[in-house]
């Protein structure tokens, strides 16, 4: 398990239960909580592990967004960085497309640029178990 905790609120993104092709992602902030099993395979883009490796290697603010979305679209994550070094993760998690009661959350979580190496190291260890990541 590893998590990313916001530096500006009590928001937390938690990755747990790594399996060969899946992992579980959970966002929690106060009374709001969403949890979803995510299929890790992404044939047309770099893996989520590669996303974390890229952003962890940044030692200064960058232009644009680093992005990953699961094959089935149930989870997406992007990271941007302001010119002052504030990194914003934009997160979207939603129910299965065939769910009777559909739901979706879209949230952001902020960390400092200096936190990325530790986040990247935790992500590398976690996603090393997940074959598609």
Protein backbone atom coordinates (compact mmCIF):
# COMPACT_ATOMS: atom_id res chain seq x y z
CA UNK A 1 0.00 0.00 0.00
CA UNK A 2 1.06 3.58 -0.56
CA UNK A 3 -0.72 6.89 -0.34
CA UNK A 4 -0.46 10.49 -1.40
CA UNK A 5 -1.62 12.97 1.22
CA UNK A 6 -2.48 16.53 0.31
CA UNK A 7 -0.25 19.22 1.75
CA UNK A 8 -3.19 21.65 1.86
CA UNK A 9 -6.08 19.56 3.23
CA UNK A 10 -6.93 16.17 4.73
CA UNK A 11 -7.41 14.61 1.28
CA UNK A 12 -5.67 11.31 0.63
CA UNK A 13 -5.31 9.03 -2.40
CA UNK A 14 -4.58 5.45 -1.34
CA UNK A 15 -3.35 2.63 -3.59
CA UNK A 16 -3.75 -0.85 -2.11
CA UNK A 17 -4.25 -4.55 -2.89
CA UNK A 18 -1.79 -4.86 -5.77
CA UNK A 19 -2.48 -7.91 -7.90
CA UNK A 20 -1.10 -9.14 -11.20
CA UNK A 21 -3.53 -7.10 -13.32
CA UNK A 22 -5.43 -4.97 -10.82
CA UNK A 23 -5.04 -2.62 -7.89
CA UNK A 24 -7.47 -0.79 -5.64
CA UNK A 25 -7.60 2.98 -5.48
CA UNK A 26 -9.39 4.99 -2.81
CA UNK A 27 -9.88 8.71 -2.39
CA UNK A 28 -10.94 10.05 0.97
CA UNK A 29 -11.47 13.53 2.31
CA UNK A 30 -13.63 14.10 5.37
CA UNK A 31 -17.00 12.50 4.71
CA UNK A 32 -16.29 11.86 1.02
CA UNK A 33 -14.88 8.47 0.09
CA UNK A 34 -14.69 6.55 -3.19
CA UNK A 35 -13.06 3.16 -3.68
CA UNK A 36 -12.63 1.21 -6.88
CA UNK A 37 -10.77 -1.82 -8.21
CA UNK A 38 -8.81 -0.71 -11.28
CA UNK A 39 -7.61 -2.78 -14.22
CA UNK A 40 -3.96 -1.75 -14.64
CA UNK A 41 -3.31 -2.73 -18.24
CA UNK A 42 -2.90 0.25 -20.60
CA UNK A 43 -1.84 -0.92 -24.09
CA UNK A 44 -1.90 2.48 -25.83
CA UNK A 45 -0.04 4.59 -23.29
CA UNK A 46 2.74 4.25 -20.75
CA UNK A 47 1.80 2.47 -17.54
CA UNK A 48 0.74 4.19 -14.32
CA UNK A 49 4.07 3.11 -12.84
CA UNK A 50 5.81 4.96 -15.70
CA UNK A 51 3.72 8.05 -14.95
CA UNK A 52 4.94 8.10 -11.36
CA UNK A 53 8.54 7.48 -12.48
CA UNK A 54 8.34 10.45 -14.88
CA UNK A 55 6.97 12.88 -12.34
CA UNK A 56 9.31 11.66 -9.60
CA UNK A 57 12.28 12.48 -11.83
CA UNK A 58 11.25 16.13 -12.08
CA UNK A 59 13.47 18.41 -10.03
CA UNK A 60 11.89 21.63 -11.24
CA UNK A 61 8.42 22.75 -12.40
CA UNK A 62 7.34 21.40 -15.78
CA UNK A 63 4.95 22.49 -18.51
CA UNK A 64 1.76 20.62 -19.34
CA UNK A 65 0.15 17.62 -17.70
CA UNK A 66 1.38 14.08 -17.16
CA UNK A 67 -1.64 11.78 -17.60
CA UNK A 68 -2.75 8.16 -17.16
CA UNK A 69 -6.16 6.57 -17.62
CA UNK A 70 -7.15 2.96 -17.07
CA UNK A 71 -8.20 0.91 -20.09
CA UNK A 72 -11.82 0.80 -18.92
CA UNK A 73 -11.79 4.48 -17.90
CA UNK A 74 -12.82 3.88 -14.28
CA UNK A 75 -9.78 5.80 -12.97
CA UNK A 76 -7.68 8.63 -14.34
CA UNK A 77 -4.86 10.62 -12.83
CA UNK A 78 -3.01 13.65 -14.10
CA UNK A 79 -0.26 15.76 -12.55
CA UNK A 80 0.60 19.38 -13.24
CA UNK A 81 3.12 21.68 -11.59
CA UNK A 82 2.90 25.42 -11.08
CA UNK A 83 5.92 27.64 -11.67
CA UNK A 84 6.26 27.80 -7.85
CA UNK A 85 6.52 24.01 -7.48
CA UNK A 86 2.97 23.19 -6.35
CA UNK A 87 2.04 19.82 -7.85
CA UNK A 88 -1.66 19.16 -8.41
CA UNK A 89 -2.99 15.66 -8.96
CA UNK A 90 -6.37 15.62 -10.71
CA UNK A 91 -8.23 12.41 -9.98
CA UNK A 92 -11.39 10.90 -11.44
CA UNK A 93 -12.95 7.68 -10.17
CA UNK A 94 -16.32 6.29 -11.23
CA UNK A 95 -18.58 3.28 -11.08
CA UNK A 96 -18.67 0.47 -13.57
CA UNK A 97 -20.36 1.41 -16.85
CA UNK A 98 -22.97 -1.31 -16.30
CA UNK A 99 -23.76 -0.28 -12.70
CA UNK A 100 -27.40 0.38 -11.98
CA UNK A 101 -26.62 3.40 -9.83
CA UNK A 102 -23.82 5.31 -11.49
CA UNK A 103 -21.46 7.61 -9.59
CA UNK A 104 -18.36 9.70 -10.32
CA UNK A 105 -16.01 11.89 -8.32
CA UNK A 106 -13.49 14.33 -9.72
CA UNK A 107 -11.13 15.87 -7.19
CA UNK A 108 -7.71 17.44 -6.86
CA UNK A 109 -4.96 16.89 -4.35
CA UNK A 110 -1.88 19.12 -3.89
CA UNK A 111 1.68 18.26 -2.86
CA UNK A 112 5.01 20.02 -3.07
CA UNK A 113 7.55 19.29 -5.79
CA UNK A 114 9.99 18.08 -3.13
CA UNK A 115 7.59 15.26 -2.16
CA UNK A 116 7.73 13.63 -5.61
CA UNK A 117 10.87 11.49 -5.09
CA UNK A 118 9.33 9.77 -2.05
CA UNK A 119 5.98 9.35 -3.84
CA UNK A 120 7.81 7.92 -6.86
CA UNK A 121 9.80 5.45 -4.74
CA UNK A 122 6.61 4.21 -3.05
CA UNK A 123 4.84 3.94 -6.41
CA UNK A 124 7.72 1.99 -7.96
CA UNK A 125 7.64 -0.52 -5.14
CA UNK A 126 3.83 -0.81 -5.20
CA UNK A 127 3.39 -1.06 -8.99
CA UNK A 128 6.29 -3.50 -9.28
CA UNK A 129 3.76 -6.18 -8.24
CA UNK A 130 1.18 -5.15 -10.85
CA UNK A 131 2.09 -6.57 -14.26
CA UNK A 132 0.23 -4.00 -16.39
CA UNK A 133 1.54 -1.06 -14.42
